[in-house]
Amino acid sequence: MAQYRLADQARAEALDGAAQAAAAAGNHAAVVGDDYIRITVFLAAVLFLVGIGSTFKLPTVRYVLICVGAVLLLLATALILRQPGIPT
């Protein structure tokens, strides 16, 4: 029934769609930001493990810490490569 149609209904629906798209873009940006923080923590852990490994006298402990650091470095590298590119 045309007489019961609100005058600005189409405009309201368009604005609602734009708001939902902006919210989805914001949620995606938050996820990407969280991923970058996770990568930073992994890289800091690599630096810590390799740095602390050089203080131990036993070579076995040194090699284990270096190997764990190398695995974390590979994981961080894989996560970096999965990140989206620079937005245009």
C-alpha atoms as a PDB file:
ATOM      1  CA  MET A   1       0.000   0.000   0.000  1.00  0.00           C
ATOM      2  CA  ALA A   2       1.651   3.132  -1.235  1.00  0.00           C
ATOM      3  CA  GLN A   3       0.003   5.482   1.242  1.00  0.00           C
ATOM      4  CA  TYR A   4       1.658   3.666   4.171  1.00  0.00           C
ATOM      5  CA  ARG A   5       5.177   3.839   2.704  1.00  0.00           C
ATOM      6  CA  LEU A   6       7.475   6.174   4.636  1.00  0.00           C
ATOM      7  CA  ALA A   7       8.852   9.063   2.627  1.00  0.00           C
ATOM      8  CA  ASP A   8      12.493   8.432   3.498  1.00  0.00           C
ATOM      9  CA  GLN A   9      12.360   4.617   3.670  1.00  0.00           C
ATOM     10  CA  ALA A  10      14.661   4.112   0.651  1.00  0.00           C
ATOM     11  CA  ARG A  11      17.201   6.594   2.014  1.00  0.00           C
ATOM     12  CA  ALA A  12      17.097   4.912   5.435  1.00  0.00           C
ATOM     13  CA  GLU A  13      17.707   1.500   3.867  1.00  0.00           C
ATOM     14  CA  ALA A  14      20.646   2.860   1.849  1.00  0.00           C
ATOM     15  CA  LEU A  15      22.187   4.441   4.937  1.00  0.00           C
ATOM     16  CA  ASP A  16      21.668   1.220   6.888  1.00  0.00           C
ATOM     17  CA  GLY A  17      23.488  -0.731   4.181  1.00  0.00           C
ATOM     18  CA  ALA A  18      26.354   1.760   4.224  1.00  0.00           C
ATOM     19  CA  ALA A  19      26.553   1.520   8.020  1.00  0.00           C
ATOM     20  CA  GLN A  20      26.705  -2.285   7.877  1.00  0.00           C
ATOM     21  CA  ALA A  21      29.484  -2.132   5.262  1.00  0.00           C
ATOM     22  CA  ALA A  22      31.470   0.309   7.403  1.00  0.00           C
ATOM     23  CA  ALA A  23      31.028  -1.904  10.478  1.00  0.00           C
ATOM     24  CA  ALA A  24      32.224  -4.948   8.535  1.00  0.00           C
ATOM     25  CA  ALA A  25      35.285  -3.024   7.316  1.00  0.00           C
ATOM     26  CA  GLY A  26      36.026  -1.950  10.892  1.00  0.00           C
ATOM     27  CA  ASN A  27      35.754  -5.531  12.155  1.00  0.00           C
ATOM     28  CA  HIS A  28      38.139  -6.697   9.424  1.00  0.00           C
ATOM     29  CA  ALA A  29      40.625  -3.966  10.338  1.00  0.00           C
ATOM     30  CA  ALA A  30      40.459  -5.041  13.988  1.00  0.00           C
ATOM     31  CA  VAL A  31      41.237  -8.648  13.045  1.00  0.00           C
ATOM     32  CA  VAL A  32      44.189  -7.557  10.899  1.00  0.00           C
ATOM     33  CA  GLY A  33      45.493  -5.380  13.740  1.00  0.00           C
ATOM     34  CA  ASP A  34      45.241  -8.289  16.177  1.00  0.00           C
ATOM     35  CA  ASP A  35      47.165 -10.478  13.738  1.00  0.00           C
ATOM     36  CA  TYR A  36      49.969  -7.915  13.538  1.00  0.00           C
ATOM     37  CA  ILE A  37      50.183  -7.789  17.330  1.00  0.00           C
ATOM     38  CA  ARG A  38      50.406 -11.597  17.443  1.00  0.00           C
ATOM     39  CA  ILE A  39      53.225 -11.517  14.881  1.00  0.00           C
ATOM     40  CA  THR A  40      55.064  -8.896  16.931  1.00  0.00           C
ATOM     41  CA  VAL A  41      54.825 -11.092  20.028  1.00  0.00           C
ATOM     42  CA  PHE A  42      56.220 -14.077  18.107  1.00  0.00           C
ATOM     43  CA  LEU A  43      59.136 -12.006  16.822  1.00  0.00           C
ATOM     44  CA  ALA A  44      59.841 -10.671  20.318  1.00  0.00           C
ATOM     45  CA  ALA A  45      59.830 -14.246  21.617  1.00  0.00           C
ATOM     46  CA  VAL A  46      62.373 -15.188  18.938  1.00  0.00           C
ATOM     47  CA  LEU A  47      64.677 -12.379  20.041  1.00  0.00           C
ATOM     48  CA  PHE A  48      64.257 -13.341  23.692  1.00  0.00           C
ATOM     49  CA  LEU A  49      64.931 -17.052  23.157  1.00  0.00           C
ATOM     50  CA  VAL A  50      67.997 -16.500  21.001  1.00  0.00           C
ATOM     51  CA  GLY A  51      69.297 -13.837  23.372  1.00  0.00           C
ATOM     52  CA  ILE A  52      68.821 -15.908  26.498  1.00  0.00           C
ATOM     53  CA  GLY A  53      70.212 -18.982  24.742  1.00  0.00           C
ATOM     54  CA  SER A  54      73.621 -17.385  24.412  1.00  0.00           C
ATOM     55  CA  THR A  55      73.960 -17.157  28.208  1.00  0.00           C
ATOM     56  CA  PHE A  56      73.748 -20.912  28.855  1.00  0.00           C
ATOM     57  CA  LYS A  57      76.939 -22.945  29.152  1.00  0.00           C
ATOM     58  CA  LEU A  58      75.437 -26.223  27.897  1.00  0.00           C
ATOM     59  CA  PRO A  59      75.412 -26.430  24.086  1.00  0.00           C
ATOM     60  CA  THR A  60      72.298 -28.624  24.130  1.00  0.00           C
ATOM     61  CA  VAL A  61      70.244 -25.937  25.834  1.00  0.00           C
ATOM     62  CA  ARG A  62      71.560 -23.357  23.381  1.00  0.00           C
ATOM     63  CA  TYR A  63      70.607 -25.474  20.379  1.00  0.00           C
ATOM     64  CA  VAL A  64      67.147 -26.233  21.758  1.00  0.00           C
ATOM     65  CA  LEU A  65      66.425 -22.540  22.347  1.00  0.00           C
ATOM     66  CA  ILE A  66      67.756 -21.628  18.902  1.00  0.00           C
ATOM     67  CA  CYS A  67      65.591 -24.338  17.314  1.00  0.00           C
ATOM     68  CA  VAL A  68      62.477 -23.153  19.157  1.00  0.00           C
ATOM     69  CA  GLY A  69      63.294 -19.596  18.089  1.00  0.00           C
ATOM     70  CA  ALA A  70      63.743 -20.735  14.488  1.00  0.00           C
ATOM     71  CA  VAL A  71      60.343 -22.455  14.526  1.00  0.00           C
ATOM     72  CA  LEU A  72      58.724 -19.306  15.911  1.00  0.00           C
ATOM     73  CA  LEU A  73      60.504 -17.251  13.257  1.00  0.00           C
ATOM     74  CA  LEU A  74      59.146 -19.502  10.511  1.00  0.00           C
ATOM     75  CA  LEU A  75      55.662 -19.248  12.008  1.00  0.00           C
ATOM     76  CA  ALA A  76      55.896 -15.448  12.170  1.00  0.00           C
ATOM     77  CA  THR A  77      57.140 -15.338   8.571  1.00  0.00           C
ATOM     78  CA  ALA A  78      54.222 -17.463   7.408  1.00  0.00           C
ATOM     79  CA  LEU A  79      51.790 -15.199   9.256  1.00  0.00           C
ATOM     80  CA  ILE A  80      53.372 -12.098   7.724  1.00  0.00           C
ATOM     81  CA  LEU A  81      53.003 -13.534   4.236  1.00  0.00           C
ATOM     82  CA  ARG A  82      49.310 -14.239   4.885  1.00  0.00           C
ATOM     83  CA  GLN A  83      48.571 -10.624   5.793  1.00  0.00           C
ATOM     84  CA  PRO A  84      46.707  -8.438   3.304  1.00  0.00           C
ATOM     85  CA  GLY A  85      48.676  -5.964   1.236  1.00  0.00           C
ATOM     86  CA  ILE A  86      48.708  -2.227   1.607  1.00  0.00           C
ATOM     87  CA  PRO A  87      45.198  -0.833   1.018  1.00  0.00           C
ATOM     88  CA  THR A  88      44.813   1.293  -2.075  1.00  0.00           C
END
